[in-house]
């Protein structure tokens, strides 16, 4: 079953959207550096990459989810920017790249917080200890390390905070870096 799922998804990726292959972070580094190829932030990529991550996990493969989720988030942001409401933002390349950097942070924050959802609980203490908001902001700097626009740092941080608060308000996660009651440390001391 695992082999058939894997081979089927490989065929779909190869024939439907070859740009969906790969982790996602190197592709975003290329986009944020200014070099991009067609289809790298398309709707087809979003569908194929989501199906690929789901299929890989269903097949029991050991694959990372953070890179694809970051790539999917950035592609969705780019798709939203192609609507008439965001035409001015899309035409200004500096603003467009700033929005994509914020999308990188949002994708990373939502990946970290997804580990606190009860149905997906994974014992990943490193992610819980990292803190999501600051980790997401710093990750966007890491992804765009070749040329980071410093003036987008506050917007990136705000985007990461908004994503974390949305997860917290919806009851789907905890804010590790913003709210702490030291409960975990009290249990460790006893």
N, C-alpha and C. Protein backbone atom coordinates (compact mmCIF):
# COMPACT_ATOMS: atom_id res chain seq x y z
N UNK A 1 0.82 -1.19 0.00
CA UNK A 1 0.00 0.00 0.00
C UNK A 1 0.87 1.26 0.00
N UNK A 2 1.91 1.26 0.85
CA UNK A 2 2.79 2.43 0.92
C UNK A 2 3.49 2.68 -0.40
N UNK A 3 3.94 1.60 -1.03
CA UNK A 3 4.63 1.73 -2.31
C UNK A 3 3.70 2.27 -3.39
N UNK A 4 2.47 1.79 -3.41
CA UNK A 4 1.54 2.27 -4.44
C UNK A 4 1.17 3.74 -4.22
N UNK A 5 0.99 4.15 -2.96
CA UNK A 5 0.72 5.56 -2.67
C UNK A 5 1.89 6.44 -3.11
N UNK A 6 3.10 5.99 -2.79
CA UNK A 6 4.29 6.77 -3.13
C UNK A 6 4.47 6.88 -4.63
N UNK A 7 4.36 5.77 -5.33
CA UNK A 7 4.53 5.79 -6.79
C UNK A 7 3.44 6.61 -7.47
N UNK A 8 2.21 6.49 -6.98
CA UNK A 8 1.11 7.27 -7.55
C UNK A 8 1.33 8.77 -7.38
N UNK A 9 1.78 9.18 -6.21
CA UNK A 9 2.01 10.61 -5.98
C UNK A 9 3.22 11.11 -6.76
N UNK A 10 4.23 10.26 -6.91
CA UNK A 10 5.39 10.65 -7.74
C UNK A 10 4.95 10.87 -9.19
N UNK A 11 4.10 10.02 -9.70
CA UNK A 11 3.61 10.17 -11.07
C UNK A 11 2.78 11.45 -11.21
N UNK A 12 1.90 11.70 -10.25
CA UNK A 12 1.09 12.92 -10.30
C UNK A 12 1.97 14.16 -10.26
N UNK A 13 2.96 14.16 -9.38
CA UNK A 13 3.87 15.30 -9.29
C UNK A 13 4.64 15.49 -10.59
N UNK A 14 5.12 14.41 -11.15
CA UNK A 14 5.92 14.49 -12.38
C UNK A 14 5.11 15.01 -13.57
N UNK A 15 3.88 14.55 -13.70
CA UNK A 15 3.09 14.91 -14.88
C UNK A 15 2.22 16.16 -14.69
N UNK A 16 1.74 16.43 -13.48
CA UNK A 16 0.84 17.56 -13.27
C UNK A 16 1.61 18.84 -12.94
N UNK A 17 2.53 18.78 -11.98
CA UNK A 17 3.27 19.98 -11.56
C UNK A 17 4.66 19.59 -11.07
N UNK A 18 5.63 19.50 -11.98
CA UNK A 18 6.99 19.14 -11.58
C UNK A 18 7.62 20.12 -10.59
N UNK A 19 7.14 21.36 -10.56
CA UNK A 19 7.67 22.35 -9.61
C UNK A 19 7.35 21.99 -8.17
N UNK A 20 6.41 21.08 -7.95
CA UNK A 20 6.01 20.71 -6.59
C UNK A 20 7.00 19.74 -5.96
N UNK A 21 7.94 19.23 -6.73
CA UNK A 21 8.94 18.34 -6.13
C UNK A 21 9.94 19.18 -5.35
N UNK A 22 10.52 18.60 -4.34
CA UNK A 22 11.48 19.34 -3.52
C UNK A 22 10.87 19.76 -2.20
N UNK A 23 11.75 20.27 -1.34
CA UNK A 23 11.34 20.61 0.01
C UNK A 23 10.50 21.86 0.15
N UNK A 24 10.83 22.89 -0.60
CA UNK A 24 10.08 24.13 -0.51
C UNK A 24 10.92 25.31 -0.06
N UNK A 25 11.83 25.08 0.88
CA UNK A 25 12.66 26.18 1.38
C UNK A 25 13.65 26.66 0.32
N UNK A 26 14.38 25.78 -0.39
CA UNK A 26 15.27 26.27 -1.44
C UNK A 26 14.52 27.02 -2.54
N UNK A 27 13.32 26.57 -2.85
CA UNK A 27 12.52 27.24 -3.86
C UNK A 27 12.14 28.65 -3.40
N UNK A 28 11.81 28.78 -2.11
CA UNK A 28 11.46 30.10 -1.59
C UNK A 28 12.68 31.01 -1.52
N UNK A 29 13.85 30.44 -1.24
CA UNK A 29 15.07 31.25 -1.28
C UNK A 29 15.28 31.81 -2.67
N UNK A 30 15.03 30.98 -3.68
CA UNK A 30 15.18 31.44 -5.07
C UNK A 30 14.18 32.54 -5.39
N UNK A 31 12.94 32.36 -4.99
CA UNK A 31 11.90 33.36 -5.27
C UNK A 31 12.23 34.68 -4.57
N UNK A 32 12.61 34.60 -3.30
CA UNK A 32 12.89 35.82 -2.53
C UNK A 32 14.20 36.48 -2.94
N UNK A 33 15.05 35.75 -3.64
CA UNK A 33 16.28 36.35 -4.17
C UNK A 33 16.03 37.03 -5.50
N UNK A 34 14.86 36.82 -6.07
CA UNK A 34 14.51 37.49 -7.32
C UNK A 34 14.46 36.59 -8.53
N UNK A 35 14.97 35.37 -8.43
CA UNK A 35 14.90 34.46 -9.57
C UNK A 35 13.77 33.47 -9.35
N UNK A 36 12.92 33.38 -10.33
CA UNK A 36 11.76 32.50 -10.19
C UNK A 36 11.46 31.87 -11.54
N UNK A 37 10.88 30.70 -11.49
CA UNK A 37 10.46 30.06 -12.73
C UNK A 37 8.94 29.91 -12.72
N UNK A 38 8.35 29.82 -13.89
CA UNK A 38 6.88 29.72 -13.95
C UNK A 38 6.36 28.48 -13.22
N UNK A 39 5.26 28.65 -12.54
CA UNK A 39 4.62 27.53 -11.86
C UNK A 39 5.11 27.31 -10.44
N UNK A 40 6.12 28.05 -10.01
CA UNK A 40 6.69 27.83 -8.69
C UNK A 40 5.77 28.31 -7.57
N UNK A 41 4.84 29.20 -7.89
CA UNK A 41 3.87 29.69 -6.90
C UNK A 41 2.46 29.62 -7.47
N UNK A 42 2.12 28.52 -8.11
CA UNK A 42 0.84 28.39 -8.80
C UNK A 42 -0.19 27.62 -7.96
N UNK A 43 -1.43 27.67 -8.39
CA UNK A 43 -2.50 26.93 -7.72
C UNK A 43 -2.29 25.43 -7.88
N UNK A 44 -1.78 25.01 -9.04
CA UNK A 44 -1.48 23.59 -9.24
C UNK A 44 -0.45 23.11 -8.23
N UNK A 45 0.56 23.95 -7.98
CA UNK A 45 1.59 23.58 -7.01
C UNK A 45 0.97 23.39 -5.63
N UNK A 46 0.07 24.27 -5.24
CA UNK A 46 -0.56 24.16 -3.92
C UNK A 46 -1.29 22.83 -3.79
N UNK A 47 -2.09 22.49 -4.79
CA UNK A 47 -2.86 21.24 -4.74
C UNK A 47 -1.96 20.01 -4.74
N UNK A 48 -0.98 20.00 -5.63
CA UNK A 48 -0.10 18.82 -5.74
C UNK A 48 0.77 18.69 -4.49
N UNK A 49 1.30 19.80 -3.98
CA UNK A 49 2.17 19.74 -2.81
C UNK A 49 1.38 19.31 -1.57
N UNK A 50 0.15 19.81 -1.42
CA UNK A 50 -0.68 19.37 -0.30
C UNK A 50 -0.98 17.88 -0.39
N UNK A 51 -1.35 17.44 -1.58
CA UNK A 51 -1.63 16.01 -1.78
C UNK A 51 -0.37 15.19 -1.54
N UNK A 52 0.77 15.71 -1.94
CA UNK A 52 2.04 14.99 -1.75
C UNK A 52 2.39 14.82 -0.29
N UNK A 53 2.24 15.87 0.50
CA UNK A 53 2.55 15.79 1.94
C UNK A 53 1.60 14.82 2.63
N UNK A 54 0.32 14.92 2.30
CA UNK A 54 -0.68 14.02 2.90
C UNK A 54 -0.39 12.57 2.52
N UNK A 55 -0.12 12.35 1.24
CA UNK A 55 0.15 10.99 0.77
C UNK A 55 1.43 10.43 1.37
N UNK A 56 2.47 11.25 1.46
CA UNK A 56 3.74 10.78 2.03
C UNK A 56 3.56 10.39 3.49
N UNK A 57 2.80 11.18 4.23
CA UNK A 57 2.55 10.83 5.63
C UNK A 57 1.66 9.61 5.76
N UNK A 58 0.67 9.48 4.87
CA UNK A 58 -0.20 8.30 4.89
C UNK A 58 0.57 7.04 4.54
N UNK A 59 1.59 7.19 3.69
CA UNK A 59 2.40 6.04 3.30
C UNK A 59 3.44 5.70 4.36
N UNK A 60 3.56 6.53 5.38
CA UNK A 60 4.51 6.26 6.45
C UNK A 60 5.93 6.70 6.15
N UNK A 61 6.10 7.56 5.16
CA UNK A 61 7.43 8.04 4.83
C UNK A 61 7.88 9.08 5.85
N UNK A 62 9.17 9.12 6.08
CA UNK A 62 9.73 10.10 7.01
C UNK A 62 10.08 11.35 6.22
N UNK A 63 9.14 12.28 6.16
CA UNK A 63 9.36 13.52 5.42
C UNK A 63 9.04 14.70 6.32
N UNK A 64 9.72 15.80 6.07
CA UNK A 64 9.46 17.02 6.82
C UNK A 64 8.24 17.73 6.27
N UNK A 65 7.50 18.38 7.15
CA UNK A 65 6.31 19.10 6.73
C UNK A 65 6.53 20.60 6.68
N UNK A 66 7.58 21.10 7.34
CA UNK A 66 7.74 22.55 7.42
C UNK A 66 8.06 23.19 6.08
N UNK A 67 8.95 22.59 5.29
CA UNK A 67 9.30 23.14 3.98
C UNK A 67 8.11 23.21 3.03
N UNK A 68 7.39 22.10 2.85
CA UNK A 68 6.20 22.16 1.99
C UNK A 68 5.14 23.14 2.49
N UNK A 69 4.94 23.21 3.81
CA UNK A 69 3.93 24.13 4.33
C UNK A 69 4.33 25.59 4.08
N UNK A 70 5.60 25.89 4.20
CA UNK A 70 6.09 27.24 3.91
C UNK A 70 5.89 27.55 2.44
N UNK A 71 6.21 26.60 1.57
CA UNK A 71 6.05 26.80 0.13
C UNK A 71 4.58 26.98 -0.22
N UNK A 72 3.71 26.17 0.36
CA UNK A 72 2.27 26.28 0.11
C UNK A 72 1.74 27.64 0.58
N UNK A 73 2.17 28.07 1.77
CA UNK A 73 1.71 29.36 2.30
C UNK A 73 2.13 30.50 1.38
N UNK A 74 3.36 30.47 0.90
CA UNK A 74 3.84 31.52 0.00
C UNK A 74 3.11 31.48 -1.33
N UNK A 75 2.84 30.29 -1.84
CA UNK A 75 2.10 30.19 -3.10
C UNK A 75 0.69 30.73 -2.93
N UNK A 76 0.06 30.44 -1.80
CA UNK A 76 -1.29 30.96 -1.55
C UNK A 76 -1.26 32.49 -1.43
N UNK A 77 -0.23 33.03 -0.80
CA UNK A 77 -0.10 34.49 -0.71
C UNK A 77 0.08 35.10 -2.10
N UNK A 78 0.87 34.45 -2.94
CA UNK A 78 1.08 34.95 -4.30
C UNK A 78 -0.21 34.87 -5.12
N UNK A 79 -0.97 33.81 -4.93
CA UNK A 79 -2.26 33.67 -5.63
C UNK A 79 -3.22 34.78 -5.19
N UNK A 80 -3.25 35.06 -3.88
CA UNK A 80 -4.11 36.15 -3.39
C UNK A 80 -3.66 37.50 -3.94
N UNK A 81 -2.35 37.68 -4.10
CA UNK A 81 -1.86 38.95 -4.64
C UNK A 81 -2.18 39.12 -6.12
N UNK A 82 -2.56 38.06 -6.80
CA UNK A 82 -2.91 38.18 -8.21
C UNK A 82 -4.36 38.63 -8.41
N UNK A 83 -5.12 38.74 -7.33
CA UNK A 83 -6.49 39.24 -7.43
C UNK A 83 -6.48 40.76 -7.63
N UNK A 84 -7.56 41.32 -8.15
CA UNK A 84 -7.60 42.77 -8.40
C UNK A 84 -7.39 43.63 -7.14
N UNK A 85 -7.77 43.13 -5.97
CA UNK A 85 -7.64 43.91 -4.74
C UNK A 85 -6.19 44.20 -4.39
N UNK A 86 -5.29 43.31 -4.76
CA UNK A 86 -3.88 43.46 -4.40
C UNK A 86 -3.00 43.77 -5.60
N UNK A 87 -3.58 44.35 -6.64
CA UNK A 87 -2.85 44.62 -7.88
C UNK A 87 -1.66 45.56 -7.62
N UNK A 88 -1.86 46.60 -6.81
CA UNK A 88 -0.78 47.55 -6.54
C UNK A 88 0.37 46.89 -5.79
N UNK A 89 0.04 45.99 -4.87
CA UNK A 89 1.08 45.29 -4.12
C UNK A 89 1.87 44.38 -5.04
N UNK A 90 1.18 43.68 -5.92
CA UNK A 90 1.85 42.74 -6.83
C UNK A 90 2.77 43.47 -7.81
N UNK A 91 2.37 44.66 -8.25
CA UNK A 91 3.19 45.40 -9.21
C UNK A 91 4.44 45.99 -8.57
N UNK A 92 4.41 46.23 -7.27
CA UNK A 92 5.59 46.73 -6.55
C UNK A 92 6.38 45.52 -6.05
N UNK A 93 7.50 45.23 -6.69
CA UNK A 93 8.27 44.02 -6.40
C UNK A 93 8.76 43.98 -4.95
N UNK A 94 9.14 45.13 -4.40
CA UNK A 94 9.62 45.16 -3.02
C UNK A 94 8.51 44.76 -2.05
N UNK A 95 7.30 45.29 -2.26
CA UNK A 95 6.17 44.93 -1.41
C UNK A 95 5.79 43.46 -1.59
N UNK A 96 5.83 42.99 -2.82
CA UNK A 96 5.49 41.59 -3.10
C UNK A 96 6.45 40.65 -2.36
N UNK A 97 7.75 40.93 -2.43
CA UNK A 97 8.72 40.09 -1.74
C UNK A 97 8.57 40.20 -0.23
N UNK A 98 8.19 41.37 0.26
CA UNK A 98 7.92 41.52 1.70
C UNK A 98 6.75 40.68 2.14
N UNK A 99 5.69 40.65 1.34
CA UNK A 99 4.52 39.81 1.64
C UNK A 99 4.92 38.34 1.63
N UNK A 100 5.74 37.94 0.67
CA UNK A 100 6.17 36.54 0.60
C UNK A 100 7.05 36.18 1.80
N UNK A 101 7.88 37.12 2.27
CA UNK A 101 8.68 36.88 3.48
C UNK A 101 7.76 36.70 4.69
N UNK A 102 6.71 37.51 4.77
CA UNK A 102 5.73 37.35 5.86
C UNK A 102 5.03 36.00 5.75
N UNK A 103 4.76 35.56 4.53
CA UNK A 103 4.12 34.25 4.33
C UNK A 103 5.03 33.12 4.78
N UNK A 104 6.35 33.29 4.60
CA UNK A 104 7.30 32.29 5.11
C UNK A 104 7.17 32.17 6.62
N UNK A 105 7.11 33.31 7.30
CA UNK A 105 6.97 33.31 8.76
C UNK A 105 5.65 32.68 9.17
N UNK A 106 4.57 33.01 8.47
CA UNK A 106 3.25 32.46 8.80
C UNK A 106 3.24 30.95 8.60
N UNK A 107 3.86 30.48 7.53
CA UNK A 107 3.92 29.03 7.27
C UNK A 107 4.70 28.31 8.35
N UNK A 108 5.80 28.90 8.79
CA UNK A 108 6.62 28.27 9.83
C UNK A 108 5.89 28.27 11.17
N UNK A 109 5.24 29.38 11.50
CA UNK A 109 4.51 29.46 12.77
C UNK A 109 3.38 28.44 12.79
N UNK A 110 2.62 28.35 11.70
CA UNK A 110 1.50 27.40 11.67
C UNK A 110 2.00 25.96 11.71
N UNK A 111 3.20 25.70 11.16
CA UNK A 111 3.76 24.36 11.26
C UNK A 111 4.12 24.04 12.70
N UNK A 112 4.78 24.99 13.39
CA UNK A 112 5.15 24.75 14.78
C UNK A 112 3.92 24.55 15.66
N UNK A 113 2.91 25.38 15.47
CA UNK A 113 1.72 25.29 16.31
C UNK A 113 0.93 24.02 16.00
N UNK A 114 1.04 23.50 14.80
CA UNK A 114 0.29 22.29 14.45
C UNK A 114 0.70 21.10 15.31
N UNK A 115 1.88 21.18 15.94
CA UNK A 115 2.30 20.09 16.81
C UNK A 115 1.55 20.09 18.13
N UNK A 116 0.84 21.17 18.45
CA UNK A 116 0.08 21.20 19.70
C UNK A 116 -1.37 20.81 19.50
N UNK A 117 -1.80 20.60 18.26
CA UNK A 117 -3.17 20.16 18.00
C UNK A 117 -3.30 18.73 18.50
N UNK A 118 -4.30 18.44 19.36
CA UNK A 118 -4.38 17.11 19.97
C UNK A 118 -4.37 15.96 18.97
N UNK A 119 -5.03 16.11 17.82
CA UNK A 119 -5.08 14.99 16.88
C UNK A 119 -3.76 14.78 16.17
N UNK A 120 -2.86 15.76 16.21
CA UNK A 120 -1.56 15.61 15.57
C UNK A 120 -0.43 15.67 16.59
N UNK A 121 -0.73 15.39 17.85
CA UNK A 121 0.27 15.55 18.90
C UNK A 121 1.49 14.67 18.63
N UNK A 122 2.61 15.30 18.59
CA UNK A 122 3.87 14.62 18.35
C UNK A 122 4.79 15.03 19.49
N UNK A 123 5.59 14.09 20.00
CA UNK A 123 6.47 14.51 21.09
C UNK A 123 7.69 15.17 20.48
N UNK A 124 7.54 16.44 20.21
CA UNK A 124 8.63 17.22 19.63
C UNK A 124 8.90 18.39 20.56
N UNK A 125 9.66 18.12 21.62
CA UNK A 125 9.90 19.14 22.63
C UNK A 125 10.70 20.31 22.07
N UNK A 126 11.50 20.04 21.05
CA UNK A 126 12.31 21.11 20.48
C UNK A 126 11.41 22.20 19.91
N UNK A 127 10.37 21.80 19.18
CA UNK A 127 9.45 22.79 18.60
C UNK A 127 8.71 23.54 19.68
N UNK A 128 8.32 22.85 20.73
CA UNK A 128 7.59 23.51 21.81
C UNK A 128 8.49 24.48 22.57
N UNK A 129 9.74 24.13 22.73
CA UNK A 129 10.66 24.98 23.46
C UNK A 129 11.10 26.18 22.64
N UNK A 130 11.13 26.02 21.34
CA UNK A 130 11.57 27.10 20.45
C UNK A 130 10.74 28.35 20.62
N UNK A 131 9.45 28.22 20.72
CA UNK A 131 8.56 29.38 20.70
C UNK A 131 8.24 29.70 19.26
N UNK A 132 6.98 29.84 18.98
CA UNK A 132 6.57 29.92 17.59
C UNK A 132 6.75 31.29 16.96
N UNK A 133 6.40 32.36 17.64
CA UNK A 133 6.39 33.67 17.01
C UNK A 133 7.80 34.13 16.68
N UNK A 134 8.70 34.07 17.64
CA UNK A 134 10.06 34.51 17.38
C UNK A 134 10.76 33.56 16.41
N UNK A 135 10.47 32.28 16.53
CA UNK A 135 11.04 31.31 15.59
C UNK A 135 10.59 31.57 14.17
N UNK A 136 9.31 31.89 13.99
CA UNK A 136 8.80 32.20 12.65
C UNK A 136 9.44 33.43 12.06
N UNK A 137 9.61 34.45 12.89
CA UNK A 137 10.24 35.69 12.41
C UNK A 137 11.69 35.44 12.03
N UNK A 138 12.42 34.76 12.89
CA UNK A 138 13.83 34.49 12.59
C UNK A 138 13.98 33.54 11.42
N UNK A 139 13.02 32.62 11.27
CA UNK A 139 13.08 31.72 10.13
C UNK A 139 12.93 32.49 8.82
N UNK A 140 12.08 33.51 8.80
CA UNK A 140 11.94 34.29 7.57
C UNK A 140 13.24 35.01 7.24
N UNK A 141 14.00 35.41 8.27
CA UNK A 141 15.31 36.01 8.03
C UNK A 141 16.26 34.95 7.48
N UNK A 142 16.21 33.75 8.05
CA UNK A 142 17.09 32.67 7.59
C UNK A 142 16.81 32.29 6.15
N UNK A 143 15.53 32.20 5.80
CA UNK A 143 15.18 31.81 4.43
C UNK A 143 15.64 32.85 3.43
N UNK A 144 15.55 34.11 3.81
CA UNK A 144 15.93 35.18 2.89
C UNK A 144 17.33 35.70 3.21
N UNK A 145 18.20 34.83 3.70
CA UNK A 145 19.51 35.26 4.19
C UNK A 145 20.37 35.93 3.13
N UNK A 146 20.15 35.64 1.87
CA UNK A 146 20.99 36.25 0.84
C UNK A 146 20.74 37.75 0.74
N UNK A 147 19.51 38.18 0.87
CA UNK A 147 19.18 39.61 0.82
C UNK A 147 17.90 39.85 1.59
N UNK A 148 18.02 40.23 2.85
CA UNK A 148 16.82 40.45 3.67
C UNK A 148 16.52 41.94 3.75
N UNK A 149 15.27 42.29 3.48
CA UNK A 149 14.84 43.68 3.58
C UNK A 149 14.46 43.94 5.04
N UNK A 150 15.30 44.68 5.75
CA UNK A 150 15.12 44.89 7.18
C UNK A 150 13.80 45.60 7.49
N UNK A 151 13.33 46.45 6.59
CA UNK A 151 12.09 47.16 6.87
C UNK A 151 10.87 46.25 6.88
N UNK A 152 11.00 45.01 6.43
CA UNK A 152 9.88 44.06 6.50
C UNK A 152 9.86 43.28 7.81
N UNK A 153 10.88 43.45 8.66
CA UNK A 153 10.96 42.69 9.90
C UNK A 153 9.77 42.94 10.84
N UNK A 154 9.34 44.19 11.07
CA UNK A 154 8.16 44.37 11.93
C UNK A 154 6.89 43.74 11.34
N UNK A 155 6.71 43.85 10.04
CA UNK A 155 5.52 43.24 9.41
C UNK A 155 5.59 41.72 9.51
N UNK A 156 6.78 41.16 9.36
CA UNK A 156 6.95 39.71 9.48
C UNK A 156 6.62 39.26 10.90
N UNK A 157 7.10 40.00 11.88
CA UNK A 157 6.80 39.65 13.27
C UNK A 157 5.30 39.76 13.55
N UNK A 158 4.67 40.83 13.05
CA UNK A 158 3.23 41.00 13.24
C UNK A 158 2.45 39.85 12.60
N UNK A 159 2.88 39.44 11.42
CA UNK A 159 2.22 38.32 10.74
C UNK A 159 2.35 37.04 11.57
N UNK A 160 3.53 36.80 12.13
CA UNK A 160 3.73 35.62 12.96
C UNK A 160 2.87 35.68 14.22
N UNK A 161 2.75 36.87 14.82
CA UNK A 161 1.90 37.03 16.01
C UNK A 161 0.44 36.76 15.67
N UNK A 162 -0.03 37.30 14.55
CA UNK A 162 -1.42 37.11 14.15
C UNK A 162 -1.73 35.63 13.94
N UNK A 163 -0.84 34.92 13.27
CA UNK A 163 -1.06 33.48 13.05
C UNK A 163 -1.11 32.74 14.38
N UNK A 164 -0.20 33.06 15.29
CA UNK A 164 -0.18 32.40 16.59
C UNK A 164 -1.45 32.71 17.39
N UNK A 165 -1.90 33.96 17.36
CA UNK A 165 -3.11 34.34 18.10
C UNK A 165 -4.34 33.67 17.51
N UNK A 166 -4.41 33.57 16.18
CA UNK A 166 -5.55 32.89 15.55
C UNK A 166 -5.61 31.43 15.99
N UNK A 167 -4.47 30.76 16.02
CA UNK A 167 -4.46 29.37 16.49
C UNK A 167 -4.87 29.31 17.96
N UNK A 168 -4.39 30.24 18.76
CA UNK A 168 -4.68 30.24 20.19
C UNK A 168 -6.15 30.51 20.45
N UNK A 169 -6.73 31.52 19.78
CA UNK A 169 -8.14 31.87 19.96
C UNK A 169 -9.05 30.73 19.51
N UNK A 170 -8.66 30.03 18.45
CA UNK A 170 -9.48 28.93 17.96
C UNK A 170 -9.33 27.67 18.81
N UNK A 171 -8.46 27.72 19.81
CA UNK A 171 -8.27 26.57 20.69
C UNK A 171 -7.43 25.47 20.09
N UNK A 172 -6.70 25.78 19.02
CA UNK A 172 -5.92 24.77 18.32
C UNK A 172 -4.45 24.75 18.74
N UNK A 173 -4.02 25.66 19.60
CA UNK A 173 -2.61 25.67 19.96
C UNK A 173 -2.35 26.55 21.16
N UNK A 174 -1.11 26.58 21.56
CA UNK A 174 -0.68 27.39 22.69
C UNK A 174 0.38 28.37 22.22
N UNK A 175 0.46 29.50 22.89
CA UNK A 175 1.47 30.50 22.55
C UNK A 175 2.67 30.30 23.46
N UNK A 176 3.64 29.54 23.02
CA UNK A 176 4.78 29.23 23.86
C UNK A 176 5.65 30.45 24.15
N UNK A 177 5.90 31.25 23.13
CA UNK A 177 6.83 32.36 23.30
C UNK A 177 6.17 33.59 23.92
N UNK A 178 4.85 33.68 23.92
CA UNK A 178 4.19 34.87 24.43
C UNK A 178 3.59 34.66 25.81
N UNK A 179 3.06 33.48 26.08
CA UNK A 179 2.38 33.23 27.34
C UNK A 179 2.99 31.99 27.98
N UNK A 180 3.43 32.12 29.23
CA UNK A 180 4.02 30.99 29.92
C UNK A 180 3.60 31.03 31.38
N UNK A 181 3.15 29.89 31.89
CA UNK A 181 2.78 29.84 33.30
C UNK A 181 3.74 28.95 34.09
N UNK A 182 4.83 28.52 33.44
CA UNK A 182 5.87 27.71 34.07
C UNK A 182 5.33 26.39 34.60
N UNK A 183 4.20 25.92 34.09
CA UNK A 183 3.63 24.65 34.52
C UNK A 183 4.55 23.49 34.17
N UNK A 184 5.11 23.53 32.98
CA UNK A 184 5.98 22.43 32.55
C UNK A 184 7.21 22.35 33.44
N UNK A 185 7.76 23.49 33.85
CA UNK A 185 8.94 23.48 34.70
C UNK A 185 8.60 22.98 36.09
N UNK A 186 7.40 23.28 36.59
CA UNK A 186 6.99 22.81 37.91
C UNK A 186 6.89 21.29 37.93
N UNK A 187 6.41 20.70 36.84
CA UNK A 187 6.33 19.25 36.77
C UNK A 187 7.71 18.62 36.68
N UNK A 188 8.65 19.31 36.05
CA UNK A 188 10.00 18.77 35.93
C UNK A 188 10.73 18.79 37.26
N UNK A 189 10.44 19.77 38.11
CA UNK A 189 11.13 19.91 39.39
C UNK A 189 10.72 18.80 40.34
N UNK A 190 9.47 18.43 40.34
CA UNK A 190 8.97 17.41 41.28
C UNK A 190 9.51 16.11 40.93
